[in-house]
Structure formats: C-alpha cells, structure tokens
Amino acid sequence: MQEHLIIDGNNALHAIPDLSKELAQDRNLARDSLLRFLEPIQTGENCLLTVVFDGRGGKGRVYQHEGVKNYTVIYSSSVQGADGVIERMLLAAKYPERISVATNDSLIRNCAYESGASTMRIEELIKKLDSAIDRTRIKLNQKQGGKSGPFSNKICFPDRNQGEK
C-alpha cells in the first residue's frame, strides 16, 4: 500500500524562504507555487500526497491537483482550520503507520506521533523533494541511454586541424 504524505500547506509556505517572500505579495500565487514545487514528490515517490491549507471562510473544499488522482488539495473550513483537518485525517486513518506528516508545528507533530504516524520537518521535505528530482533525472537518463539530452549529433564533421598540416 502507498505511503500517504500529508503536508501542512500554510506551515510550508512560511518555512520555505522563497515561498514566504511570495506569500507576502500574493497568497494564491504562493499556494500555486507550493503545489507545483511538490509535484516531483508525488510522481517520483508514487505516493498519495495531500496538501492542507487554511480556508478563507465557507465550508472548505477538496480537489485533485491538475486532475492527478493521488494528489489532493484541501482548503479547510473557517471553523475547523488546516490543523483540525490534519488531526481528523490522522485519527480516522485505518493505517496511520503509512502516513507521514510534513510540518514544523509541534502540536500537529505530537498528534501524528500519538496516532502512530511519522513526521518530518519542512526542511526534511525539501530534502525528499531533491531526492525525488534526482531519481527522476536518473530514470530519464537511463531511458535516453545515458545521453545528456533528448537529441544527439549524428552528423560527422571533419576535423578542422587535419588540413592544416
């Protein structure tokens, strides 16, 4: 069964310096950047990935990122908040040992430990992302037969120095 990685979206936005700067300018743009930033983890790790954000009023909403079945984005209701959504997911999990929560929030980390899930700090999530990108790069190189790019030069050029002897 797949690992389920749950990410505290708002916590990640504040913990990743480039996204934190973007967040100060445009919250929606920063959220979109985080979702794109995490795509290699979902594809490279072949895991269930859920990013939970605090909603801005209303009932909350759940959707698949870019139509990818295993990549879910949740905007919490204004009543529950993202922390509450993550806690409920942990408490309702049939196999909490397959869940890993990425957050720097100690209360959420403690809840995850209590439910039997594992946790990682946002800094560890970034290392996991780097690792997923490296594995994807290696797979791509193997498919290309070790070539450095998608095309190779098949035209033979004479050595220019041969005629100068």
C-alpha atoms as a PDB file:
ATOM      1  CA  MET A   1       0.000   0.000   0.000  1.00  0.00           C
ATOM      2  CA  GLN A   2       1.193   3.537  -0.786  1.00  0.00           C
ATOM      3  CA  GLU A   3       2.684   5.980   1.648  1.00  0.00           C
ATOM      4  CA  HIS A   4       0.409   8.947   2.338  1.00  0.00           C
ATOM      5  CA  LEU A   5       2.272  12.220   2.735  1.00  0.00           C
ATOM      6  CA  ILE A   6       0.206  14.985   4.340  1.00  0.00           C
ATOM      7  CA  ILE A   7       1.671  18.478   4.158  1.00  0.00           C
ATOM      8  CA  ASP A   8       0.688  21.402   6.355  1.00  0.00           C
ATOM      9  CA  GLY A   9       0.487  23.884   3.480  1.00  0.00           C
ATOM     10  CA  ASN A  10       0.483  27.138   5.428  1.00  0.00           C
ATOM     11  CA  ASN A  11       3.346  25.941   7.593  1.00  0.00           C
ATOM     12  CA  ALA A  12       5.357  25.055   4.475  1.00  0.00           C
ATOM     13  CA  LEU A  13       4.638  28.448   2.896  1.00  0.00           C
ATOM     14  CA  HIS A  14       6.128  30.200   5.923  1.00  0.00           C
ATOM     15  CA  ALA A  15       9.079  27.790   6.302  1.00  0.00           C
ATOM     16  CA  ILE A  16      10.370  27.907   2.707  1.00  0.00           C
ATOM     17  CA  PRO A  17      12.074  31.298   2.225  1.00  0.00           C
ATOM     18  CA  ASP A  18      11.225  31.861  -1.463  1.00  0.00           C
ATOM     19  CA  LEU A  19       7.589  30.944  -0.886  1.00  0.00           C
ATOM     20  CA  SER A  20       7.431  33.074   2.247  1.00  0.00           C
ATOM     21  CA  LYS A  21       8.519  36.105   0.207  1.00  0.00           C
ATOM     22  CA  GLU A  22       5.938  35.263  -2.444  1.00  0.00           C
ATOM     23  CA  LEU A  23       3.295  34.819   0.274  1.00  0.00           C
ATOM     24  CA  ALA A  24       3.858  38.398   1.424  1.00  0.00           C
ATOM     25  CA  GLN A  25       2.928  39.572  -2.089  1.00  0.00           C
ATOM     26  CA  ASP A  26       0.189  37.164  -3.217  1.00  0.00           C
ATOM     27  CA  ARG A  27      -1.217  34.288  -1.129  1.00  0.00           C
ATOM     28  CA  ASN A  28      -2.829  32.457  -4.068  1.00  0.00           C
ATOM     29  CA  LEU A  29       0.323  32.640  -6.180  1.00  0.00           C
ATOM     30  CA  ALA A  30       2.387  31.300  -3.260  1.00  0.00           C
ATOM     31  CA  ARG A  31      -0.058  28.404  -2.798  1.00  0.00           C
ATOM     32  CA  ASP A  32       0.118  27.550  -6.507  1.00  0.00           C
ATOM     33  CA  SER A  33       3.919  27.701  -6.373  1.00  0.00           C
ATOM     34  CA  LEU A  34       3.965  25.280  -3.432  1.00  0.00           C
ATOM     35  CA  LEU A  35       1.673  22.851  -5.250  1.00  0.00           C
ATOM     36  CA  ARG A  36       3.904  22.900  -8.359  1.00  0.00           C
ATOM     37  CA  PHE A  37       7.011  22.670  -6.160  1.00  0.00           C
ATOM     38  CA  LEU A  38       5.697  19.399  -4.652  1.00  0.00           C
ATOM     39  CA  GLU A  39       4.755  17.677  -7.942  1.00  0.00           C
ATOM     40  CA  PRO A  40       8.063  15.739  -8.247  1.00  0.00           C
ATOM     41  CA  ILE A  41       7.467  14.127  -4.849  1.00  0.00           C
ATOM     42  CA  GLN A  42       4.098  12.749  -5.890  1.00  0.00           C
ATOM     43  CA  THR A  43       5.331  11.406  -9.216  1.00  0.00           C
ATOM     44  CA  GLY A  44       8.797  10.350  -8.057  1.00  0.00           C
ATOM     45  CA  GLU A  45       7.674   8.681  -4.836  1.00  0.00           C
ATOM     46  CA  ASN A  46       4.378   7.389  -6.281  1.00  0.00           C
ATOM     47  CA  CYS A  47       2.699   8.318  -3.012  1.00  0.00           C
ATOM     48  CA  LEU A  48      -0.641   9.729  -2.029  1.00  0.00           C
ATOM     49  CA  LEU A  49       0.006  13.421  -1.471  1.00  0.00           C
ATOM     50  CA  THR A  50      -2.366  15.723   0.392  1.00  0.00           C
ATOM     51  CA  VAL A  51      -1.684  19.410   0.961  1.00  0.00           C
ATOM     52  CA  VAL A  52      -3.933  21.083   3.536  1.00  0.00           C
ATOM     53  CA  PHE A  53      -4.399  24.872   3.615  1.00  0.00           C
ATOM     54  CA  ASP A  54      -6.431  27.073   5.920  1.00  0.00           C
ATOM     55  CA  GLY A  55      -9.608  28.091   4.111  1.00  0.00           C
ATOM     56  CA  ARG A  56     -10.856  31.634   3.957  1.00  0.00           C
ATOM     57  CA  GLY A  57     -14.449  31.335   5.140  1.00  0.00           C
ATOM     58  CA  GLY A  58     -17.070  28.993   3.820  1.00  0.00           C
ATOM     59  CA  LYS A  59     -17.331  25.220   4.020  1.00  0.00           C
ATOM     60  CA  GLY A  60     -13.933  24.249   2.721  1.00  0.00           C
ATOM     61  CA  ARG A  61     -13.106  22.422  -0.460  1.00  0.00           C
ATOM     62  CA  VAL A  62     -11.290  19.328  -1.718  1.00  0.00           C
ATOM     63  CA  TYR A  63      -9.952  18.818  -5.240  1.00  0.00           C
ATOM     64  CA  GLN A  64      -7.350  16.878  -7.226  1.00  0.00           C
ATOM     65  CA  HIS A  65      -4.329  18.957  -8.238  1.00  0.00           C
ATOM     66  CA  GLU A  66      -4.088  19.136 -12.048  1.00  0.00           C
ATOM     67  CA  GLY A  67      -6.517  16.193 -12.198  1.00  0.00           C
ATOM     68  CA  VAL A  68      -3.941  13.827 -10.638  1.00  0.00           C
ATOM     69  CA  LYS A  69      -5.834  11.202  -8.647  1.00  0.00           C
ATOM     70  CA  ASN A  70      -3.150  10.773  -5.966  1.00  0.00           C
ATOM     71  CA  TYR A  71      -2.535  14.500  -5.388  1.00  0.00           C
ATOM     72  CA  THR A  72      -5.244  16.110  -3.263  1.00  0.00           C
ATOM     73  CA  VAL A  73      -5.544  19.712  -2.128  1.00  0.00           C
ATOM     74  CA  ILE A  74      -7.786  20.576   0.817  1.00  0.00           C
ATOM     75  CA  TYR A  75      -8.886  24.047   1.856  1.00  0.00           C
ATOM     76  CA  SER A  76     -10.283  23.719   5.367  1.00  0.00           C
ATOM     77  CA  SER A  77     -13.477  25.315   6.547  1.00  0.00           C
ATOM     78  CA  SER A  78     -13.088  28.513   8.521  1.00  0.00           C
ATOM     79  CA  VAL A  79     -14.431  26.671  11.573  1.00  0.00           C
ATOM     80  CA  GLN A  80     -12.025  23.722  11.555  1.00  0.00           C
ATOM     81  CA  GLY A  81      -8.755  25.127  10.191  1.00  0.00           C
ATOM     82  CA  ALA A  82      -5.998  23.137   8.497  1.00  0.00           C
ATOM     83  CA  ASP A  83      -4.665  21.784  11.798  1.00  0.00           C
ATOM     84  CA  GLY A  84      -8.095  20.365  12.614  1.00  0.00           C
ATOM     85  CA  VAL A  85      -8.356  18.723   9.189  1.00  0.00           C
ATOM     86  CA  ILE A  86      -4.943  17.081   9.594  1.00  0.00           C
ATOM     87  CA  GLU A  87      -5.815  15.878  13.111  1.00  0.00           C
ATOM     88  CA  ARG A  88      -9.092  14.353  11.911  1.00  0.00           C
ATOM     89  CA  MET A  89      -7.337  12.640   8.998  1.00  0.00           C
ATOM     90  CA  LEU A  90      -4.827  11.126  11.423  1.00  0.00           C
ATOM     91  CA  LEU A  91      -7.483   9.966  13.868  1.00  0.00           C
ATOM     92  CA  ALA A  92      -9.619   8.454  11.090  1.00  0.00           C
ATOM     93  CA  ALA A  93      -6.732   6.664   9.352  1.00  0.00           C
ATOM     94  CA  LYS A  94      -7.034   2.899   9.075  1.00  0.00           C
ATOM     95  CA  TYR A  95      -3.244   2.538   8.622  1.00  0.00           C
ATOM     96  CA  PRO A  96      -1.646   5.544  10.376  1.00  0.00           C
ATOM     97  CA  GLU A  97       1.789   3.905  10.156  1.00  0.00           C
ATOM     98  CA  ARG A  98       1.681   4.590   6.398  1.00  0.00           C
ATOM     99  CA  ILE A  99       1.160   8.311   6.951  1.00  0.00           C
ATOM    100  CA  SER A 100       3.901  10.893   7.198  1.00  0.00           C
ATOM    101  CA  VAL A 101       3.067  14.490   8.092  1.00  0.00           C
ATOM    102  CA  ALA A 102       5.332  17.330   6.969  1.00  0.00           C
ATOM    103  CA  THR A 103       5.102  20.292   9.333  1.00  0.00           C
ATOM    104  CA  ASN A 104       7.162  22.330  11.760  1.00  0.00           C
ATOM    105  CA  ASP A 105       4.099  22.716  14.025  1.00  0.00           C
ATOM    106  CA  SER A 106       4.850  20.813  17.238  1.00  0.00           C
ATOM    107  CA  LEU A 107       1.166  20.255  18.101  1.00  0.00           C
ATOM    108  CA  ILE A 108       0.495  18.565  14.755  1.00  0.00           C
ATOM    109  CA  ARG A 109       3.725  16.570  15.072  1.00  0.00           C
ATOM    110  CA  ASN A 110       2.648  15.340  18.525  1.00  0.00           C
ATOM    111  CA  CYS A 111      -0.797  14.402  17.219  1.00  0.00           C
ATOM    112  CA  ALA A 112       0.835  12.431  14.404  1.00  0.00           C
ATOM    113  CA  TYR A 113       3.106  10.567  16.836  1.00  0.00           C
ATOM    114  CA  GLU A 114       0.143   9.785  19.106  1.00  0.00           C
ATOM    115  CA  SER A 115      -1.837   8.340  16.203  1.00  0.00           C
ATOM    116  CA  GLY A 116       1.073   6.158  15.023  1.00  0.00           C
ATOM    117  CA  ALA A 117       2.084   8.268  12.011  1.00  0.00           C
ATOM    118  CA  SER A 118       5.566   9.609  11.337  1.00  0.00           C
ATOM    119  CA  THR A 119       6.542  13.224  10.838  1.00  0.00           C
ATOM    120  CA  MET A 120       9.161  15.264   9.085  1.00  0.00           C
ATOM    121  CA  ARG A 121      10.111  18.888   9.321  1.00  0.00           C
ATOM    122  CA  ILE A 122       9.682  21.072   6.237  1.00  0.00           C
ATOM    123  CA  GLU A 123      13.471  21.061   5.791  1.00  0.00           C
ATOM    124  CA  GLU A 124      13.339  17.258   5.510  1.00  0.00           C
ATOM    125  CA  LEU A 125      10.522  17.581   2.978  1.00  0.00           C
ATOM    126  CA  ILE A 126      12.799  19.718   0.807  1.00  0.00           C
ATOM    127  CA  LYS A 127      15.498  17.017   1.001  1.00  0.00           C
ATOM    128  CA  LYS A 128      12.877  14.433  -0.005  1.00  0.00           C
ATOM    129  CA  LEU A 129      11.959  16.662  -2.952  1.00  0.00           C
ATOM    130  CA  ASP A 130      15.616  16.927  -4.016  1.00  0.00           C
ATOM    131  CA  SER A 131      15.937  13.148  -3.818  1.00  0.00           C
ATOM    132  CA  ALA A 132      12.788  12.645  -5.932  1.00  0.00           C
ATOM    133  CA  ILE A 133      14.135  15.050  -8.564  1.00  0.00           C
ATOM    134  CA  ASP A 134      17.491  13.228  -8.636  1.00  0.00           C
ATOM    135  CA  ARG A 135      15.776   9.833  -9.076  1.00  0.00           C
ATOM    136  CA  THR A 136      13.635  11.227 -11.889  1.00  0.00           C
ATOM    137  CA  ARG A 137      16.745  12.643 -13.582  1.00  0.00           C
ATOM    138  CA  ILE A 138      18.491   9.242 -13.334  1.00  0.00           C
ATOM    139  CA  LYS A 139      15.455   7.431 -14.771  1.00  0.00           C
ATOM    140  CA  LEU A 140      15.295   9.922 -17.618  1.00  0.00           C
ATOM    141  CA  ASN A 141      18.995   9.437 -18.394  1.00  0.00           C
ATOM    142  CA  GLN A 142      18.547   5.652 -18.381  1.00  0.00           C
ATOM    143  CA  LYS A 143      15.650   5.910 -20.833  1.00  0.00           C
ATOM    144  CA  GLN A 144      17.814   8.059 -23.090  1.00  0.00           C
ATOM    145  CA  GLY A 145      20.635   5.542 -22.996  1.00  0.00           C
ATOM    146  CA  GLY A 146      22.867   7.736 -20.856  1.00  0.00           C
ATOM    147  CA  LYS A 147      22.839  10.603 -23.345  1.00  0.00           C
ATOM    148  CA  SER A 148      22.966  14.076 -21.897  1.00  0.00           C
ATOM    149  CA  GLY A 149      19.956  15.369 -23.803  1.00  0.00           C
ATOM    150  CA  PRO A 150      16.980  14.271 -25.850  1.00  0.00           C
ATOM    151  CA  PHE A 151      18.916  14.649 -29.121  1.00  0.00           C
ATOM    152  CA  SER A 152      22.343  13.523 -30.217  1.00  0.00           C
ATOM    153  CA  ASN A 153      24.506  14.728 -33.074  1.00  0.00           C
ATOM    154  CA  LYS A 154      24.521  12.129 -35.875  1.00  0.00           C
ATOM    155  CA  ILE A 155      26.379  14.286 -38.420  1.00  0.00           C
ATOM    156  CA  CYS A 156      30.098  13.613 -38.781  1.00  0.00           C
ATOM    157  CA  PHE A 157      32.172  16.762 -39.083  1.00  0.00           C
ATOM    158  CA  PRO A 158      35.730  16.568 -40.443  1.00  0.00           C
ATOM    159  CA  ASP A 159      38.456  17.550 -38.046  1.00  0.00           C
ATOM    160  CA  ARG A 160      39.411  21.128 -38.980  1.00  0.00           C
ATOM    161  CA  ASN A 161      43.009  20.618 -37.919  1.00  0.00           C
ATOM    162  CA  GLN A 162      43.628  17.767 -40.428  1.00  0.00           C
ATOM    163  CA  GLY A 163      44.018  20.039 -43.450  1.00  0.00           C
ATOM    164  CA  GLU A 164      46.434  22.424 -41.696  1.00  0.00           C
ATOM    165  CA  LYS A 165      49.452  20.051 -41.505  1.00  0.00           C
END
